[in-house]
N, C-alpha and C. Protein backbone atom coordinates (compact mmCIF):
# COMPACT_ATOMS: atom_id res chain seq x y z
N MET A 1 -2.26 37.59 41.87
CA MET A 1 -1.34 38.58 41.34
C MET A 1 -1.32 39.84 42.22
N LEU A 2 -0.28 40.58 42.08
CA LEU A 2 -0.14 41.80 42.85
C LEU A 2 -1.12 42.86 42.35
N PRO A 3 -1.58 43.75 43.25
CA PRO A 3 -2.64 44.69 42.88
C PRO A 3 -2.14 45.97 42.20
N PHE A 4 -1.33 45.85 41.16
CA PHE A 4 -0.96 47.03 40.38
C PHE A 4 -0.67 46.64 38.95
N ASN A 5 -0.58 47.63 38.08
CA ASN A 5 -0.34 47.39 36.66
C ASN A 5 1.15 47.17 36.44
N HIS A 6 1.55 45.95 36.19
CA HIS A 6 2.96 45.58 36.05
C HIS A 6 3.63 46.28 34.87
N GLU A 7 2.89 46.49 33.80
CA GLU A 7 3.46 47.14 32.61
C GLU A 7 3.92 48.56 32.93
N ILE A 8 3.26 49.22 33.87
CA ILE A 8 3.61 50.59 34.27
C ILE A 8 4.64 50.59 35.40
N VAL A 9 4.42 49.76 36.40
CA VAL A 9 5.23 49.80 37.62
C VAL A 9 6.63 49.21 37.45
N MET A 10 6.76 48.09 36.76
CA MET A 10 8.07 47.44 36.68
C MET A 10 9.14 48.33 36.02
N PRO A 11 8.86 49.01 34.92
CA PRO A 11 9.89 49.91 34.37
C PRO A 11 10.27 51.03 35.35
N LYS A 12 9.30 51.49 36.15
CA LYS A 12 9.61 52.52 37.15
C LYS A 12 10.51 51.96 38.24
N PHE A 13 10.24 50.75 38.71
CA PHE A 13 11.12 50.11 39.67
C PHE A 13 12.53 49.99 39.09
N TYR A 14 12.61 49.55 37.86
CA TYR A 14 13.89 49.33 37.21
C TYR A 14 14.70 50.63 37.16
N ARG A 15 14.03 51.75 36.85
CA ARG A 15 14.72 53.05 36.79
C ARG A 15 15.21 53.51 38.16
N MET A 16 14.54 53.10 39.23
CA MET A 16 14.94 53.50 40.59
C MET A 16 16.16 52.74 41.10
N LEU A 17 16.44 51.61 40.52
CA LEU A 17 17.55 50.79 41.00
C LEU A 17 18.90 51.42 40.73
N LYS A 18 19.82 51.24 41.68
CA LYS A 18 21.21 51.58 41.43
C LYS A 18 21.77 50.56 40.46
N LYS A 19 22.91 50.86 39.88
CA LYS A 19 23.57 49.90 39.01
C LYS A 19 23.79 48.61 39.80
N GLU A 20 23.46 47.49 39.21
CA GLU A 20 23.56 46.17 39.85
C GLU A 20 22.56 45.99 41.00
N GLY A 21 21.57 46.89 41.10
CA GLY A 21 20.56 46.78 42.16
C GLY A 21 19.62 45.61 41.92
N LYS A 22 18.89 45.26 42.94
CA LYS A 22 18.00 44.10 42.87
C LYS A 22 16.62 44.46 43.44
N ILE A 23 15.60 43.80 42.94
CA ILE A 23 14.25 43.89 43.47
C ILE A 23 13.88 42.50 43.97
N LEU A 24 13.34 42.43 45.17
CA LEU A 24 12.90 41.16 45.72
C LEU A 24 11.41 40.98 45.46
N VAL A 25 11.07 39.88 44.81
CA VAL A 25 9.67 39.50 44.64
C VAL A 25 9.46 38.32 45.58
N LEU A 26 8.70 38.53 46.62
CA LEU A 26 8.55 37.54 47.67
C LEU A 26 7.11 37.03 47.72
N TYR A 27 6.99 35.73 47.76
CA TYR A 27 5.66 35.12 47.90
C TYR A 27 5.71 34.20 49.11
N MET A 28 4.87 34.48 50.07
CA MET A 28 4.79 33.64 51.26
C MET A 28 3.38 33.07 51.33
N ALA A 29 3.29 31.78 51.27
CA ALA A 29 1.98 31.12 51.25
C ALA A 29 1.63 30.53 52.60
N TRP A 30 0.36 30.45 52.84
CA TRP A 30 -0.20 29.79 54.00
C TRP A 30 -0.34 28.33 53.61
N LEU A 31 0.38 27.42 54.25
CA LEU A 31 0.40 26.02 53.83
C LEU A 31 -0.16 25.11 54.92
N PRO A 32 -1.48 24.97 54.98
CA PRO A 32 -2.10 24.19 56.05
C PRO A 32 -1.79 22.70 56.03
N PHE A 33 -1.40 22.16 54.88
CA PHE A 33 -1.10 20.73 54.79
C PHE A 33 0.37 20.43 55.09
N GLU A 34 1.18 21.48 55.18
CA GLU A 34 2.61 21.32 55.42
C GLU A 34 3.00 21.57 56.88
N ASP A 35 2.11 22.23 57.63
CA ASP A 35 2.44 22.63 58.99
C ASP A 35 1.24 22.42 59.91
N LYS A 36 1.45 21.77 61.03
CA LYS A 36 0.37 21.45 61.96
C LYS A 36 -0.31 22.72 62.50
N ILE A 37 0.48 23.74 62.84
CA ILE A 37 -0.10 24.98 63.37
C ILE A 37 -0.90 25.71 62.29
N ALA A 38 -0.36 25.78 61.08
CA ALA A 38 -1.09 26.43 59.98
C ALA A 38 -2.39 25.68 59.70
N GLY A 39 -2.35 24.34 59.76
CA GLY A 39 -3.56 23.55 59.54
C GLY A 39 -4.61 23.81 60.61
N ALA A 40 -4.20 23.85 61.87
CA ALA A 40 -5.15 24.11 62.97
C ALA A 40 -5.70 25.53 62.87
N SER A 41 -4.84 26.47 62.50
CA SER A 41 -5.29 27.86 62.34
C SER A 41 -6.31 27.98 61.22
N GLU A 42 -6.05 27.27 60.11
CA GLU A 42 -6.99 27.32 59.00
C GLU A 42 -8.34 26.74 59.40
N LYS A 43 -8.34 25.66 60.15
CA LYS A 43 -9.61 25.08 60.62
C LYS A 43 -10.39 26.09 61.45
N LEU A 44 -9.69 26.83 62.29
CA LEU A 44 -10.34 27.85 63.11
C LEU A 44 -10.91 28.98 62.25
N VAL A 45 -10.12 29.44 61.27
CA VAL A 45 -10.60 30.49 60.36
C VAL A 45 -11.84 30.01 59.62
N LEU A 46 -11.80 28.78 59.10
CA LEU A 46 -12.93 28.25 58.33
C LEU A 46 -14.18 28.03 59.17
N LYS A 47 -13.99 27.81 60.46
CA LYS A 47 -15.15 27.67 61.36
C LYS A 47 -15.98 28.95 61.35
N TYR A 48 -15.32 30.10 61.33
CA TYR A 48 -16.01 31.39 61.39
C TYR A 48 -16.15 32.07 60.04
N SER A 49 -15.38 31.62 59.07
CA SER A 49 -15.43 32.19 57.73
C SER A 49 -15.29 31.07 56.71
N PRO A 50 -16.34 30.26 56.54
CA PRO A 50 -16.24 29.07 55.69
C PRO A 50 -15.95 29.34 54.21
N ASN A 51 -16.15 30.55 53.77
CA ASN A 51 -15.90 30.88 52.36
C ASN A 51 -14.57 31.59 52.15
N TRP A 52 -13.66 31.50 53.13
CA TRP A 52 -12.36 32.16 53.03
C TRP A 52 -11.64 31.72 51.77
N SER A 53 -11.23 32.67 50.96
CA SER A 53 -10.61 32.35 49.67
C SER A 53 -9.18 31.84 49.79
N GLY A 54 -8.57 31.98 50.96
CA GLY A 54 -7.19 31.53 51.14
C GLY A 54 -7.06 30.10 51.60
N ALA A 55 -8.15 29.40 51.74
CA ALA A 55 -8.12 28.04 52.28
C ALA A 55 -7.54 27.04 51.29
N GLY A 56 -6.86 26.03 51.85
CA GLY A 56 -6.40 24.90 51.04
C GLY A 56 -5.18 25.15 50.18
N GLU A 57 -4.40 26.16 50.50
CA GLU A 57 -3.21 26.47 49.70
C GLU A 57 -2.22 25.31 49.75
N THR A 58 -1.59 25.03 48.63
CA THR A 58 -0.58 23.97 48.54
C THR A 58 0.68 24.54 47.88
N ILE A 59 1.77 23.81 47.99
CA ILE A 59 3.01 24.23 47.33
C ILE A 59 2.82 24.10 45.82
N HIS A 60 3.12 25.19 45.11
CA HIS A 60 3.00 25.18 43.65
C HIS A 60 3.90 26.25 43.06
N GLN A 61 4.19 26.13 41.78
CA GLN A 61 4.98 27.12 41.06
C GLN A 61 4.20 28.42 41.00
N ILE A 62 4.86 29.54 41.23
CA ILE A 62 4.21 30.84 41.20
C ILE A 62 4.38 31.44 39.80
N ALA A 63 3.29 31.93 39.25
CA ALA A 63 3.33 32.57 37.93
C ALA A 63 3.69 34.04 38.10
N TYR A 64 4.72 34.49 37.38
CA TYR A 64 5.12 35.89 37.41
C TYR A 64 4.61 36.56 36.14
N PRO A 65 4.10 37.79 36.26
CA PRO A 65 3.61 38.49 35.07
C PRO A 65 4.73 38.71 34.05
N ILE A 66 4.39 38.75 32.80
CA ILE A 66 5.34 38.97 31.71
C ILE A 66 6.13 40.26 31.94
N ALA A 67 5.50 41.30 32.47
CA ALA A 67 6.19 42.57 32.69
C ALA A 67 7.38 42.41 33.61
N ILE A 68 7.29 41.53 34.58
CA ILE A 68 8.42 41.28 35.47
C ILE A 68 9.52 40.54 34.72
N LYS A 69 9.13 39.52 33.98
CA LYS A 69 10.11 38.70 33.26
C LYS A 69 10.86 39.50 32.20
N LYS A 70 10.17 40.39 31.49
CA LYS A 70 10.84 41.08 30.39
C LYS A 70 11.59 42.33 30.85
N THR A 71 11.31 42.83 32.04
CA THR A 71 11.98 44.04 32.53
C THR A 71 13.23 43.71 33.32
N LEU A 72 13.21 42.63 34.08
CA LEU A 72 14.31 42.30 34.98
C LEU A 72 14.88 40.92 34.68
N ASN A 73 16.11 40.72 35.06
CA ASN A 73 16.65 39.37 35.08
C ASN A 73 16.08 38.71 36.32
N LEU A 74 15.28 37.70 36.16
CA LEU A 74 14.57 37.09 37.27
C LEU A 74 15.30 35.84 37.74
N TYR A 75 15.67 35.83 39.01
CA TYR A 75 16.29 34.66 39.62
C TYR A 75 15.28 34.08 40.59
N ILE A 76 14.91 32.84 40.40
CA ILE A 76 13.91 32.20 41.23
C ILE A 76 14.60 31.24 42.18
N THR A 77 14.33 31.43 43.46
CA THR A 77 14.86 30.55 44.50
C THR A 77 13.71 29.80 45.12
N LYS A 78 13.85 28.53 45.26
CA LYS A 78 12.81 27.70 45.85
C LYS A 78 13.33 27.21 47.20
N ASN A 79 12.70 27.65 48.26
CA ASN A 79 13.14 27.26 49.60
C ASN A 79 11.97 26.62 50.33
N LEU A 80 11.96 25.32 50.34
CA LEU A 80 10.90 24.59 51.01
C LEU A 80 11.46 24.01 52.29
N LEU A 81 10.89 24.42 53.40
CA LEU A 81 11.37 23.91 54.69
C LEU A 81 10.67 22.64 55.06
């Protein structure tokens, strides 16, 4: 999850928007099983940092906090290359 209190921040974002404005919620994952370069890079990272918490990421549905869902109309786009 993002490092801030969604219950406080999301209403503030909403107030800053112009009429019909949009907020982009972007999630970019490191996918070592989907890409040869990402996989080789992860092996190198794990060689020097075997306890790296970002290892082994896979494609999965992203959970959005309730504060985002109830404050904004959320449009989810799934773009898998």
